[in-house]
Amino acid sequence: MSLPFEVTYSEKPAKKSRSMKRLAVILKPENVDGIIASLKTSGLDATIYDVKGAGKEKERVSTSRGMGTMELAYTTRKLVATVVNADDVEDVVKRMKQALGGESGAVVVVTPVDDLIRL
């Protein structure tokens, strides 16, 4: 039985590359489908999180009566996380860039993974 937020990673560290990296992509909700498609073509699974960011951009939302708009102090973003072999990081990031096309404002955070333990 798997939980709805549980990810099954498709690769284990190989003998040639014992290190793995976690890629966390922070992007606008409309760009999620392109990132997921590029990860699937690489044979990778991902977990998607809803996040709120406070920054330069403001998001305009209609009020319940439709009489005006108000600016929220945060913007809605998605975080797509996956784990890849360290040797494949550049290739996976390149595929994600191609899937997004032009300027998207997406950010990729790469962190080391010490170990993956399956329970």
PDB file of N, CA and C in Angstrom:
ATOM      1  N   MET A   1       0.843  -1.175   0.000  1.00  0.00           N
ATOM      2  CA  MET A   1       0.000   0.000   0.000  1.00  0.00           C
ATOM      3  C   MET A   1       0.889   1.238   0.000  1.00  0.00           C
ATOM      4  N   SER A   2       0.606   2.190  -0.858  1.00  0.00           N
ATOM      5  CA  SER A   2       1.414   3.405  -0.902  1.00  0.00           C
ATOM      6  C   SER A   2       0.550   4.612  -0.553  1.00  0.00           C
ATOM      7  N   LEU A   3       1.160   5.578   0.054  1.00  0.00           N
ATOM      8  CA  LEU A   3       0.476   6.802   0.438  1.00  0.00           C
ATOM      9  C   LEU A   3       0.383   7.722  -0.770  1.00  0.00           C
ATOM     10  N   PRO A   4      -0.555   8.677  -0.793  1.00  0.00           N
ATOM     11  CA  PRO A   4      -0.698   9.532  -1.971  1.00  0.00           C
ATOM     12  C   PRO A   4       0.511  10.427  -2.228  1.00  0.00           C
ATOM     13  N   PHE A   5       1.308  10.711  -1.212  1.00  0.00           N
ATOM     14  CA  PHE A   5       2.460  11.578  -1.391  1.00  0.00           C
ATOM     15  C   PHE A   5       3.762  10.805  -1.502  1.00  0.00           C
ATOM     16  N   GLU A   6       3.680   9.482  -1.515  1.00  0.00           N
ATOM     17  CA  GLU A   6       4.880   8.651  -1.556  1.00  0.00           C
ATOM     18  C   GLU A   6       5.374   8.505  -2.987  1.00  0.00           C
ATOM     19  N   VAL A   7       6.677   8.568  -3.160  1.00  0.00           N
ATOM     20  CA  VAL A   7       7.279   8.448  -4.484  1.00  0.00           C
ATOM     21  C   VAL A   7       8.088   7.170  -4.557  1.00  0.00           C
ATOM     22  N   THR A   8       7.950   6.450  -5.640  1.00  0.00           N
ATOM     23  CA  THR A   8       8.792   5.293  -5.902  1.00  0.00           C
ATOM     24  C   THR A   8       9.857   5.736  -6.878  1.00  0.00           C
ATOM     25  N   TYR A   9      11.116   5.710  -6.466  1.00  0.00           N
ATOM     26  CA  TYR A   9      12.192   6.176  -7.319  1.00  0.00           C
ATOM     27  C   TYR A   9      12.625   5.048  -8.237  1.00  0.00           C
ATOM     28  N   SER A  10      12.851   5.407  -9.484  1.00  0.00           N
ATOM     29  CA  SER A  10      13.079   4.398 -10.504  1.00  0.00           C
ATOM     30  C   SER A  10      14.514   3.895 -10.546  1.00  0.00           C
ATOM     31  N   GLU A  11      15.444   4.583  -9.910  1.00  0.00           N
ATOM     32  CA  GLU A  11      16.834   4.163  -9.979  1.00  0.00           C
ATOM     33  C   GLU A  11      17.445   4.055  -8.597  1.00  0.00           C
ATOM     34  N   LYS A  12      18.363   3.124  -8.463  1.00  0.00           N
ATOM     35  CA  LYS A  12      19.170   3.009  -7.252  1.00  0.00           C
ATOM     36  C   LYS A  12      20.575   3.479  -7.614  1.00  0.00           C
ATOM     37  N   PRO A  13      21.369   3.918  -6.644  1.00  0.00           N
ATOM     38  CA  PRO A  13      22.737   4.320  -6.987  1.00  0.00           C
ATOM     39  C   PRO A  13      23.499   3.159  -7.622  1.00  0.00           C
ATOM     40  N   ALA A  14      24.119   3.420  -8.749  1.00  0.00           N
ATOM     41  CA  ALA A  14      24.890   2.392  -9.446  1.00  0.00           C
ATOM     42  C   ALA A  14      26.299   2.330  -8.871  1.00  0.00           C
ATOM     43  N   LYS A  15      27.041   1.290  -9.247  1.00  0.00           N
ATOM     44  CA  LYS A  15      28.411   1.158  -8.763  1.00  0.00           C
ATOM     45  C   LYS A  15      29.279   2.316  -9.260  1.00  0.00           C
ATOM     46  N   LYS A  16      29.045   2.763 -10.500  1.00  0.00           N
ATOM     47  CA  LYS A  16      29.866   3.838 -11.043  1.00  0.00           C
ATOM     48  C   LYS A  16      29.528   5.186 -10.397  1.00  0.00           C
ATOM     49  N   SER A  17      28.301   5.351  -9.935  1.00  0.00           N
ATOM     50  CA  SER A  17      27.889   6.614  -9.318  1.00  0.00           C
ATOM     51  C   SER A  17      27.109   6.315  -8.050  1.00  0.00           C
ATOM     52  N   ARG A  18      27.755   6.389  -6.932  1.00  0.00           N
ATOM     53  CA  ARG A  18      27.112   6.113  -5.653  1.00  0.00           C
ATOM     54  C   ARG A  18      26.300   7.300  -5.145  1.00  0.00           C
ATOM     55  N   SER A  19      26.509   8.479  -5.716  1.00  0.00           N
ATOM     56  CA  SER A  19      25.819   9.658  -5.203  1.00  0.00           C
ATOM     57  C   SER A  19      24.546   9.947  -5.986  1.00  0.00           C
ATOM     58  N   MET A  20      23.568  10.471  -5.275  1.00  0.00           N
ATOM     59  CA  MET A  20      22.313  10.855  -5.891  1.00  0.00           C
ATOM     60  C   MET A  20      22.001  12.287  -5.490  1.00  0.00           C
ATOM     61  N   LYS A  21      21.190  12.951  -6.304  1.00  0.00           N
ATOM     62  CA  LYS A  21      20.813  14.337  -6.058  1.00  0.00           C
ATOM     63  C   LYS A  21      19.298  14.463  -6.058  1.00  0.00           C
ATOM     64  N   ARG A  22      18.791  15.341  -5.196  1.00  0.00           N
ATOM     65  CA  ARG A  22      17.361  15.669  -5.185  1.00  0.00           C
ATOM     66  C   ARG A  22      17.198  16.974  -5.940  1.00  0.00           C
ATOM     67  N   LEU A  23      16.330  16.970  -6.932  1.00  0.00           N
ATOM     68  CA  LEU A  23      16.014  18.168  -7.692  1.00  0.00           C
ATOM     69  C   LEU A  23      14.657  18.678  -7.229  1.00  0.00           C
ATOM     70  N   ALA A  24      14.609  19.924  -6.805  1.00  0.00           N
ATOM     71  CA  ALA A  24      13.359  20.565  -6.413  1.00  0.00           C
ATOM     72  C   ALA A  24      13.154  21.757  -7.346  1.00  0.00           C
ATOM     73  N   VAL A  25      12.119  21.699  -8.174  1.00  0.00           N
ATOM     74  CA  VAL A  25      11.842  22.746  -9.155  1.00  0.00           C
ATOM     75  C   VAL A  25      10.676  23.581  -8.640  1.00  0.00           C
ATOM     76  N   ILE A  26      10.914  24.875  -8.448  1.00  0.00           N
ATOM     77  CA  ILE A  26       9.869  25.796  -7.999  1.00  0.00           C
ATOM     78  C   ILE A  26       9.398  26.557  -9.231  1.00  0.00           C
ATOM     79  N   LEU A  27       8.090  26.462  -9.550  1.00  0.00           N
ATOM     80  CA  LEU A  27       7.588  27.045 -10.778  1.00  0.00           C
ATOM     81  C   LEU A  27       6.131  27.430 -10.665  1.00  0.00           C
ATOM     82  N   LYS A  28       5.636  28.118 -11.689  1.00  0.00           N
ATOM     83  CA  LYS A  28       4.236  28.530 -11.754  1.00  0.00           C
ATOM     84  C   LYS A  28       3.375  27.300 -12.054  1.00  0.00           C
ATOM     85  N   PRO A  29       2.144  27.273 -11.535  1.00  0.00           N
ATOM     86  CA  PRO A  29       1.280  26.098 -11.723  1.00  0.00           C
ATOM     87  C   PRO A  29       1.049  25.717 -13.187  1.00  0.00           C
ATOM     88  N   GLU A  30       1.011  26.693 -14.092  1.00  0.00           N
ATOM     89  CA  GLU A  30       0.745  26.373 -15.496  1.00  0.00           C
ATOM     90  C   GLU A  30       1.908  25.652 -16.172  1.00  0.00           C
ATOM     91  N   ASN A  31       3.079  25.624 -15.543  1.00  0.00           N
ATOM     92  CA  ASN A  31       4.247  24.961 -16.134  1.00  0.00           C
ATOM     93  C   ASN A  31       4.487  23.547 -15.608  1.00  0.00           C
ATOM     94  N   VAL A  32       3.658  23.087 -14.684  1.00  0.00           N
ATOM     95  CA  VAL A  32       3.865  21.778 -14.050  1.00  0.00           C
ATOM     96  C   VAL A  32       3.772  20.636 -15.064  1.00  0.00           C
ATOM     97  N   ASP A  33       2.797  20.688 -15.962  1.00  0.00           N
ATOM     98  CA  ASP A  33       2.605  19.589 -16.918  1.00  0.00           C
ATOM     99  C   ASP A  33       3.841  19.366 -17.790  1.00  0.00           C
ATOM    100  N   GLY A  34       4.482  20.445 -18.225  1.00  0.00           N
ATOM    101  CA  GLY A  34       5.686  20.321 -19.042  1.00  0.00           C
ATOM    102  C   GLY A  34       6.834  19.671 -18.290  1.00  0.00           C
ATOM    103  N   ILE A  35       7.009  20.044 -17.020  1.00  0.00           N
ATOM    104  CA  ILE A  35       8.079  19.466 -16.201  1.00  0.00           C
ATOM    105  C   ILE A  35       7.812  17.982 -15.956  1.00  0.00           C
ATOM    106  N   ILE A  36       6.575  17.640 -15.605  1.00  0.00           N
ATOM    107  CA  ILE A  36       6.226  16.234 -15.349  1.00  0.00           C
ATOM    108  C   ILE A  36       6.442  15.400 -16.607  1.00  0.00           C
ATOM    109  N   ALA A  37       6.065  15.921 -17.764  1.00  0.00           N
ATOM    110  CA  ALA A  37       6.259  15.190 -19.022  1.00  0.00           C
ATOM    111  C   ALA A  37       7.745  14.959 -19.297  1.00  0.00           C
ATOM    112  N   SER A  38       8.576  15.976 -19.037  1.00  0.00           N
ATOM    113  CA  SER A  38      10.012  15.800 -19.286  1.00  0.00           C
ATOM    114  C   SER A  38      10.627  14.796 -18.313  1.00  0.00           C
ATOM    115  N   LEU A  39      10.141  14.753 -17.078  1.00  0.00           N
ATOM    116  CA  LEU A  39      10.645  13.764 -16.118  1.00  0.00           C
ATOM    117  C   LEU A  39      10.222  12.351 -16.503  1.00  0.00           C
ATOM    118  N   LYS A  40       8.988  12.213 -16.985  1.00  0.00           N
ATOM    119  CA  LYS A  40       8.507  10.885 -17.396  1.00  0.00           C
ATOM    120  C   LYS A  40       9.290  10.352 -18.590  1.00  0.00           C
ATOM    121  N   THR A  41       9.681  11.235 -19.516  1.00  0.00           N
ATOM    122  CA  THR A  41      10.479  10.770 -20.654  1.00  0.00           C
ATOM    123  C   THR A  41      11.859  10.314 -20.197  1.00  0.00           C
ATOM    124  N   SER A  42      12.315  10.822 -19.052  1.00  0.00           N
ATOM    125  CA  SER A  42      13.597  10.381 -18.485  1.00  0.00           C
ATOM    126  C   SER A  42      13.427   9.161 -17.592  1.00  0.00           C
ATOM    127  N   GLY A  43      12.183   8.684 -17.427  1.00  0.00           N
ATOM    128  CA  GLY A  43      11.918   7.519 -16.587  1.00  0.00           C
ATOM    129  C   GLY A  43      11.920   7.829 -15.101  1.00  0.00           C
ATOM    130  N   LEU A  44      11.602   9.083 -14.741  1.00  0.00           N
ATOM    131  CA  LEU A  44      11.632   9.497 -13.340  1.00  0.00           C
ATOM    132  C   LEU A  44      10.225   9.775 -12.811  1.00  0.00           C
ATOM    133  N   ASP A  45      10.039   9.534 -11.522  1.00  0.00           N
ATOM    134  CA  ASP A  45       8.802   9.887 -10.830  1.00  0.00           C
ATOM    135  C   ASP A  45       9.032  11.195 -10.102  1.00  0.00           C
ATOM    136  N   ALA A  46       7.947  11.833  -9.675  1.00  0.00           N
ATOM    137  CA  ALA A  46       8.084  13.107  -8.973  1.00  0.00           C
ATOM    138  C   ALA A  46       6.966  13.270  -7.949  1.00  0.00           C
ATOM    139  N   THR A  47       7.205  14.148  -6.998  1.00  0.00           N
ATOM    140  CA  THR A  47       6.206  14.548  -6.014  1.00  0.00           C
ATOM    141  C   THR A  47       5.937  16.031  -6.229  1.00  0.00           C
ATOM    142  N   ILE A  48       4.656  16.430  -6.181  1.00  0.00           N
ATOM    143  CA  ILE A  48       4.277  17.823  -6.409  1.00  0.00           C
ATOM    144  C   ILE A  48       3.716  18.401  -5.108  1.00  0.00           C
ATOM    145  N   TYR A  49       4.253  19.557  -4.718  1.00  0.00           N
ATOM    146  CA  TYR A  49       3.799  20.247  -3.516  1.00  0.00           C
ATOM    147  C   TYR A  49       3.219  21.607  -3.901  1.00  0.00           C
ATOM    148  N   ASP A  50       2.222  22.070  -3.165  1.00  0.00           N
ATOM    149  CA  ASP A  50       1.723  23.436  -3.294  1.00  0.00           C
ATOM    150  C   ASP A  50       2.502  24.305  -2.325  1.00  0.00           C
ATOM    151  N   VAL A  51       3.027  25.431  -2.805  1.00  0.00           N
ATOM    152  CA  VAL A  51       3.784  26.351  -1.946  1.00  0.00           C
ATOM    153  C   VAL A  51       3.305  27.776  -2.208  1.00  0.00           C
ATOM    154  N   LYS A  52       3.502  28.634  -1.232  1.00  0.00           N
ATOM    155  CA  LYS A  52       3.188  30.055  -1.380  1.00  0.00           C
ATOM    156  C   LYS A  52       4.477  30.828  -1.221  1.00  0.00           C
ATOM    157  N   GLY A  53       4.706  31.767  -2.129  1.00  0.00           N
ATOM    158  CA  GLY A  53       5.925  32.549  -2.080  1.00  0.00           C
ATOM    159  C   GLY A  53       5.625  34.017  -1.889  1.00  0.00           C
ATOM    160  N   ALA A  54       6.475  34.685  -1.156  1.00  0.00           N
ATOM    161  CA  ALA A  54       6.374  36.131  -0.985  1.00  0.00           C
ATOM    162  C   ALA A  54       7.554  36.752  -1.703  1.00  0.00           C
ATOM    163  N   GLY A  55       7.271  37.584  -2.670  1.00  0.00           N
ATOM    164  CA  GLY A  55       8.354  38.162  -3.441  1.00  0.00           C
ATOM    165  C   GLY A  55       7.913  39.401  -4.164  1.00  0.00           C
ATOM    166  N   LYS A  56       8.524  39.652  -5.309  1.00  0.00           N
ATOM    167  CA  LYS A  56       8.249  40.857  -6.080  1.00  0.00           C
ATOM    168  C   LYS A  56       6.885  40.822  -6.762  1.00  0.00           C
ATOM    169  N   GLU A  57       6.484  39.644  -7.208  1.00  0.00           N
ATOM    170  CA  GLU A  57       5.235  39.527  -7.953  1.00  0.00           C
ATOM    171  C   GLU A  57       4.038  39.544  -7.021  1.00  0.00           C
ATOM    172  N   LYS A  58       2.927  40.065  -7.510  1.00  0.00           N
ATOM    173  CA  LYS A  58       1.666  40.043  -6.778  1.00  0.00           C
ATOM    174  C   LYS A  58       0.642  39.313  -7.631  1.00  0.00           C
ATOM    175  N   GLU A  59      -0.251  38.599  -7.004  1.00  0.00           N
ATOM    176  CA  GLU A  59      -1.286  37.866  -7.718  1.00  0.00           C
ATOM    177  C   GLU A  59      -2.621  38.552  -7.473  1.00  0.00           C
ATOM    178  N   ARG A  60      -3.348  38.858  -8.537  1.00  0.00           N
ATOM    179  CA  ARG A  60      -4.642  39.529  -8.402  1.00  0.00           C
ATOM    180  C   ARG A  60      -5.751  38.489  -8.413  1.00  0.00           C
ATOM    181  N   VAL A  61      -6.660  38.628  -7.445  1.00  0.00           N
ATOM    182  CA  VAL A  61      -7.745  37.664  -7.293  1.00  0.00           C
ATOM    183  C   VAL A  61      -9.055  38.417  -7.231  1.00  0.00           C
ATOM    184  N   SER A  62     -10.082  37.913  -7.908  1.00  0.00           N
ATOM    185  CA  SER A  62     -11.409  38.533  -7.856  1.00  0.00           C
ATOM    186  C   SER A  62     -12.050  38.274  -6.509  1.00  0.00           C
ATOM    187  N   THR A  63     -12.786  39.265  -6.031  1.00  0.00           N
ATOM    188  CA  THR A  63     -13.498  39.092  -4.774  1.00  0.00           C
ATOM    189  C   THR A  63     -14.742  38.255  -5.016  1.00  0.00           C
ATOM    190  N   SER A  64     -15.378  37.825  -3.956  1.00  0.00           N
ATOM    191  CA  SER A  64     -16.539  36.931  -4.084  1.00  0.00           C
ATOM    192  C   SER A  64     -17.707  37.596  -4.796  1.00  0.00           C
ATOM    193  N   ARG A  65     -17.829  38.901  -4.689  1.00  0.00           N
ATOM    194  CA  ARG A  65     -18.938  39.599  -5.356  1.00  0.00           C
ATOM    195  C   ARG A  65     -18.581  40.040  -6.765  1.00  0.00           C
ATOM    196  N   GLY A  66     -17.332  39.922  -7.128  1.00  0.00           N
ATOM    197  CA  GLY A  66     -16.916  40.285  -8.471  1.00  0.00           C
ATOM    198  C   GLY A  66     -16.848  41.779  -8.706  1.00  0.00           C
ATOM    199  N   MET A  67     -16.844  42.577  -7.637  1.00  0.00           N
ATOM    200  CA  MET A  67     -16.867  44.028  -7.775  1.00  0.00           C
ATOM    201  C   MET A  67     -15.470  44.645  -7.876  1.00  0.00           C
ATOM    202  N   GLY A  68     -14.449  43.869  -7.663  1.00  0.00           N
ATOM    203  CA  GLY A  68     -13.106  44.420  -7.721  1.00  0.00           C
ATOM    204  C   GLY A  68     -12.071  43.334  -7.513  1.00  0.00           C
ATOM    205  N   THR A  69     -10.841  43.766  -7.384  1.00  0.00           N
ATOM    206  CA  THR A  69      -9.766  42.820  -7.144  1.00  0.00           C
ATOM    207  C   THR A  69      -8.960  43.276  -5.945  1.00  0.00           C
ATOM    208  N   MET A  70      -8.240  42.333  -5.366  1.00  0.00           N
ATOM    209  CA  MET A  70      -7.336  42.670  -4.268  1.00  0.00           C
ATOM    210  C   MET A  70      -6.017  41.962  -4.507  1.00  0.00           C
ATOM    211  N   GLU A  71      -4.947  42.552  -4.029  1.00  0.00           N
ATOM    212  CA  GLU A  71      -3.633  41.941  -4.198  1.00  0.00           C
ATOM    213  C   GLU A  71      -3.304  41.082  -2.995  1.00  0.00           C
ATOM    214  N   LEU A  72      -2.899  39.841  -3.256  1.00  0.00           N
ATOM    215  CA  LEU A  72      -2.469  38.959  -2.185  1.00  0.00           C
ATOM    216  C   LEU A  72      -1.016  39.255  -1.853  1.00  0.00           C
ATOM    217  N   ALA A  73      -0.629  38.987  -0.637  1.00  0.00           N
ATOM    218  CA  ALA A  73       0.748  39.222  -0.222  1.00  0.00           C
ATOM    219  C   ALA A  73       1.670  38.083  -0.662  1.00  0.00           C
ATOM    220  N   TYR A  74       1.121  37.064  -1.292  1.00  0.00           N
ATOM    221  CA  TYR A  74       1.915  35.915  -1.710  1.00  0.00           C
ATOM    222  C   TYR A  74       1.499  35.490  -3.112  1.00  0.00           C
ATOM    223  N   THR A  75       2.334  34.693  -3.734  1.00  0.00           N
ATOM    224  CA  THR A  75       2.005  34.104  -5.031  1.00  0.00           C
ATOM    225  C   THR A  75       1.965  32.590  -4.882  1.00  0.00           C
ATOM    226  N   THR A  76       1.103  31.953  -5.653  1.00  0.00           N
ATOM    227  CA  THR A  76       0.966  30.512  -5.598  1.00  0.00           C
ATOM    228  C   THR A  76       1.985  29.870  -6.535  1.00  0.00           C
ATOM    229  N   ARG A  77       2.706  28.901  -6.020  1.00  0.00           N
ATOM    230  CA  ARG A  77       3.708  28.184  -6.805  1.00  0.00           C
ATOM    231  C   ARG A  77       3.560  26.684  -6.576  1.00  0.00           C
ATOM    232  N   LYS A  78       4.221  25.913  -7.394  1.00  0.00           N
ATOM    233  CA  LYS A  78       4.308  24.466  -7.234  1.00  0.00           C
ATOM    234  C   LYS A  78       5.772  24.091  -7.056  1.00  0.00           C
ATOM    235  N   LEU A  79       6.022  23.049  -6.294  1.00  0.00           N
ATOM    236  CA  LEU A  79       7.367  22.504  -6.140  1.00  0.00           C
ATOM    237  C   LEU A  79       7.308  21.058  -6.611  1.00  0.00           C
ATOM    238  N   VAL A  80       8.096  20.743  -7.618  1.00  0.00           N
ATOM    239  CA  VAL A  80       8.174  19.389  -8.167  1.00  0.00           C
ATOM    240  C   VAL A  80       9.515  18.812  -7.743  1.00  0.00           C
ATOM    241  N   ALA A  81       9.493  17.695  -6.996  1.00  0.00           N
ATOM    242  CA  ALA A  81      10.723  17.100  -6.464  1.00  0.00           C
ATOM    243  C   ALA A  81      10.924  15.697  -7.020  1.00  0.00           C
ATOM    244  N   THR A  82      12.183  15.376  -7.320  1.00  0.00           N
ATOM    245  CA  THR A  82      12.557  14.047  -7.777  1.00  0.00           C
ATOM    246  C   THR A  82      14.000  13.765  -7.359  1.00  0.00           C
ATOM    247  N   VAL A  83      14.419  12.511  -7.473  1.00  0.00           N
ATOM    248  CA  VAL A  83      15.781  12.109  -7.133  1.00  0.00           C
ATOM    249  C   VAL A  83      16.403  11.444  -8.358  1.00  0.00           C
ATOM    250  N   VAL A  84      17.639  11.857  -8.704  1.00  0.00           N
ATOM    251  CA  VAL A  84      18.327  11.328  -9.877  1.00  0.00           C
ATOM    252  C   VAL A  84      19.770  10.991  -9.512  1.00  0.00           C
ATOM    253  N   ASN A  85      20.412  10.178 -10.340  1.00  0.00           N
ATOM    254  CA  ASN A  85      21.844   9.930 -10.194  1.00  0.00           C
ATOM    255  C   ASN A  85      22.584  11.238 -10.435  1.00  0.00           C
ATOM    256  N   ALA A  86      23.656  11.462  -9.709  1.00  0.00           N
ATOM    257  CA  ALA A  86      24.430  12.699  -9.845  1.00  0.00           C
ATOM    258  C   ALA A  86      24.932  12.878 -11.280  1.00  0.00           C
ATOM    259  N   ASP A  87      25.222  11.776 -11.970  1.00  0.00           N
ATOM    260  CA  ASP A  87      25.704  11.848 -13.349  1.00  0.00           C
ATOM    261  C   ASP A  87      24.642  12.356 -14.321  1.00  0.00           C
ATOM    262  N   ASP A  88      23.366  12.235 -13.963  1.00  0.00           N
ATOM    263  CA  ASP A  88      22.265  12.588 -14.858  1.00  0.00           C
ATOM    264  C   ASP A  88      21.676  13.971 -14.601  1.00  0.00           C
ATOM    265  N   VAL A  89      22.168  14.704 -13.621  1.00  0.00           N
ATOM    266  CA  VAL A  89      21.568  15.989 -13.239  1.00  0.00           C
ATOM    267  C   VAL A  89      21.537  16.961 -14.410  1.00  0.00           C
ATOM    268  N   GLU A  90      22.658  17.143 -15.087  1.00  0.00           N
ATOM    269  CA  GLU A  90      22.721  18.109 -16.193  1.00  0.00           C
ATOM    270  C   GLU A  90      21.753  17.751 -17.307  1.00  0.00           C
ATOM    271  N   ASP A  91      21.650  16.477 -17.636  1.00  0.00           N
ATOM    272  CA  ASP A  91      20.743  16.041 -18.699  1.00  0.00           C
ATOM    273  C   ASP A  91      19.284  16.285 -18.316  1.00  0.00           C
ATOM    274  N   VAL A  92      18.919  15.975 -17.075  1.00  0.00           N
ATOM    275  CA  VAL A  92      17.537  16.158 -16.625  1.00  0.00           C
ATOM    276  C   VAL A  92      17.180  17.645 -16.589  1.00  0.00           C
ATOM    277  N   VAL A  93      18.087  18.486 -16.098  1.00  0.00           N
ATOM    278  CA  VAL A  93      17.833  19.930 -16.065  1.00  0.00           C
ATOM    279  C   VAL A  93      17.702  20.485 -17.482  1.00  0.00           C
ATOM    280  N   LYS A  94      18.518  19.998 -18.407  1.00  0.00           N
ATOM    281  CA  LYS A  94      18.437  20.434 -19.806  1.00  0.00           C
ATOM    282  C   LYS A  94      17.075  20.081 -20.403  1.00  0.00           C
ATOM    283  N   ARG A  95      16.584  18.884 -20.127  1.00  0.00           N
ATOM    284  CA  ARG A  95      15.257  18.475 -20.632  1.00  0.00           C
ATOM    285  C   ARG A  95      14.145  19.336 -20.041  1.00  0.00           C
ATOM    286  N   MET A  96      14.287  19.687 -18.751  1.00  0.00           N
ATOM    287  CA  MET A  96      13.275  20.542 -18.122  1.00  0.00           C
ATOM    288  C   MET A  96      13.269  21.933 -18.746  1.00  0.00           C
ATOM    289  N   LYS A  97      14.447  22.478 -19.049  1.00  0.00           N
ATOM    290  CA  LYS A  97      14.539  23.787 -19.707  1.00  0.00           C
ATOM    291  C   LYS A  97      13.844  23.756 -21.063  1.00  0.00           C
ATOM    292  N   GLN A  98      14.086  22.682 -21.819  1.00  0.00           N
ATOM    293  CA  GLN A  98      13.457  22.553 -23.132  1.00  0.00           C
ATOM    294  C   GLN A  98      11.944  22.454 -23.005  1.00  0.00           C
ATOM    295  N   ALA A  99      11.456  21.768 -21.977  1.00  0.00           N
ATOM    296  CA  ALA A  99      10.012  21.608 -21.789  1.00  0.00           C
ATOM    297  C   ALA A  99       9.343  22.938 -21.453  1.00  0.00           C
ATOM    298  N   LEU A 100      10.062  23.820 -20.762  1.00  0.00           N
ATOM    299  CA  LEU A 100       9.490  25.111 -20.381  1.00  0.00           C
ATOM    300  C   LEU A 100       9.567  26.134 -21.503  1.00  0.00           C
ATOM    301  N   GLY A 101      10.427  25.916 -22.454  1.00  0.00           N
ATOM    302  CA  GLY A 101      10.544  26.849 -23.572  1.00  0.00           C
ATOM    303  C   GLY A 101      11.255  28.126 -23.183  1.00  0.00           C
ATOM    304  N   GLY A 102      10.563  29.264 -23.297  1.00  0.00           N
ATOM    305  CA  GLY A 102      11.164  30.567 -23.007  1.00  0.00           C
ATOM    306  C   GLY A 102      11.295  30.837 -21.522  1.00  0.00           C
ATOM    307  N   GLU A 103      11.208  32.109 -21.170  1.00  0.00           N
ATOM    308  CA  GLU A 103      11.352  32.510 -19.769  1.00  0.00           C
ATOM    309  C   GLU A 103      10.157  32.043 -18.960  1.00  0.00           C
ATOM    310  N   SER A 104      10.423  31.336 -17.881  1.00  0.00           N
ATOM    311  CA  SER A 104       9.340  30.843 -17.042  1.00  0.00           C
ATOM    312  C   SER A 104       9.500  31.278 -15.595  1.00  0.00           C
ATOM    313  N   GLY A 105      10.698  31.692 -15.211  1.00  0.00           N
ATOM    314  CA  GLY A 105      10.940  32.064 -13.825  1.00  0.00           C
ATOM    315  C   GLY A 105      11.115  30.871 -12.911  1.00  0.00           C
ATOM    316  N   ALA A 106      11.250  29.677 -13.470  1.00  0.00           N
ATOM    317  CA  ALA A 106      11.420  28.472 -12.652  1.00  0.00           C
ATOM    318  C   ALA A 106      12.822  28.432 -12.058  1.00  0.00           C
ATOM    319  N   VAL A 107      12.927  27.804 -10.883  1.00  0.00           N
ATOM    320  CA  VAL A 107      14.198  27.667 -10.186  1.00  0.00           C
ATOM    321  C   VAL A 107      14.389  26.200  -9.841  1.00  0.00           C
ATOM    322  N   VAL A 108      15.611  25.670 -10.046  1.00  0.00           N
ATOM    323  CA  VAL A 108      15.933  24.293  -9.687  1.00  0.00           C
ATOM    324  C   VAL A 108      16.915  24.323  -8.521  1.00  0.00           C
ATOM    325  N   VAL A 109      16.546  23.661  -7.429  1.00  0.00           N
ATOM    326  CA  VAL A 109      17.415  23.548  -6.262  1.00  0.00           C
ATOM    327  C   VAL A 109      17.958  22.124  -6.241  1.00  0.00           C
ATOM    328  N   VAL A 110      19.280  21.981  -6.241  1.00  0.00           N
ATOM    329  CA  VAL A 110      19.918  20.671  -6.261  1.00  0.00           C
ATOM    330  C   VAL A 110      20.565  20.440  -4.899  1.00  0.00           C
ATOM    331  N   THR A 111      20.167  19.340  -4.240  1.00  0.00           N
ATOM    332  CA  THR A 111      20.732  19.001  -2.937  1.00  0.00           C
ATOM    333  C   THR A 111      21.209  17.552  -2.949  1.00  0.00           C
ATOM    334  N   PRO A 112      22.252  17.241  -2.185  1.00  0.00           N
ATOM    335  CA  PRO A 112      22.742  15.861  -2.152  1.00  0.00           C
ATOM    336  C   PRO A 112      21.807  14.944  -1.360  1.00  0.00           C
ATOM    337  N   VAL A 113      21.775  13.677  -1.766  1.00  0.00           N
ATOM    338  CA  VAL A 113      21.006  12.658  -1.063  1.00  0.00           C
ATOM    339  C   VAL A 113      22.003  11.661  -0.493  1.00  0.00           C
ATOM    340  N   ASP A 114      22.005  11.510   0.818  1.00  0.00           N
ATOM    341  CA  ASP A 114      22.946  10.582   1.450  1.00  0.00           C
ATOM    342  C   ASP A 114      22.563   9.137   1.185  1.00  0.00           C
ATOM    343  N   ASP A 115      21.269   8.839   1.262  1.00  0.00           N
ATOM    344  CA  ASP A 115      20.838   7.452   1.104  1.00  0.00           C
ATOM    345  C   ASP A 115      19.344   7.400   0.841  1.00  0.00           C
ATOM    346  N   LEU A 116      18.903   6.394   0.111  1.00  0.00           N
ATOM    347  CA  LEU A 116      17.488   6.093  -0.067  1.00  0.00           C
ATOM    348  C   LEU A 116      17.216   4.768   0.614  1.00  0.00           C
ATOM    349  N   ILE A 117      16.235   4.765   1.483  1.00  0.00           N
ATOM    350  CA  ILE A 117      15.903   3.537   2.203  1.00  0.00           C
ATOM    351  C   ILE A 117      14.451   3.186   1.877  1.00  0.00           C
ATOM    352  N   ARG A 118      14.247   2.011   1.360  1.00  0.00           N
ATOM    353  CA  ARG A 118      12.891   1.539   1.073  1.00  0.00           C
ATOM    354  C   ARG A 118      12.365   0.772   2.271  1.00  0.00           C
ATOM    355  N   LEU A 119      11.173   1.116   2.690  1.00  0.00           N
ATOM    356  CA  LEU A 119      10.545   0.445   3.834  1.00  0.00           C
ATOM    357  C   LEU A 119       9.501  -0.552   3.379  1.00  0.00           C
TER     358      LEU A 119
END
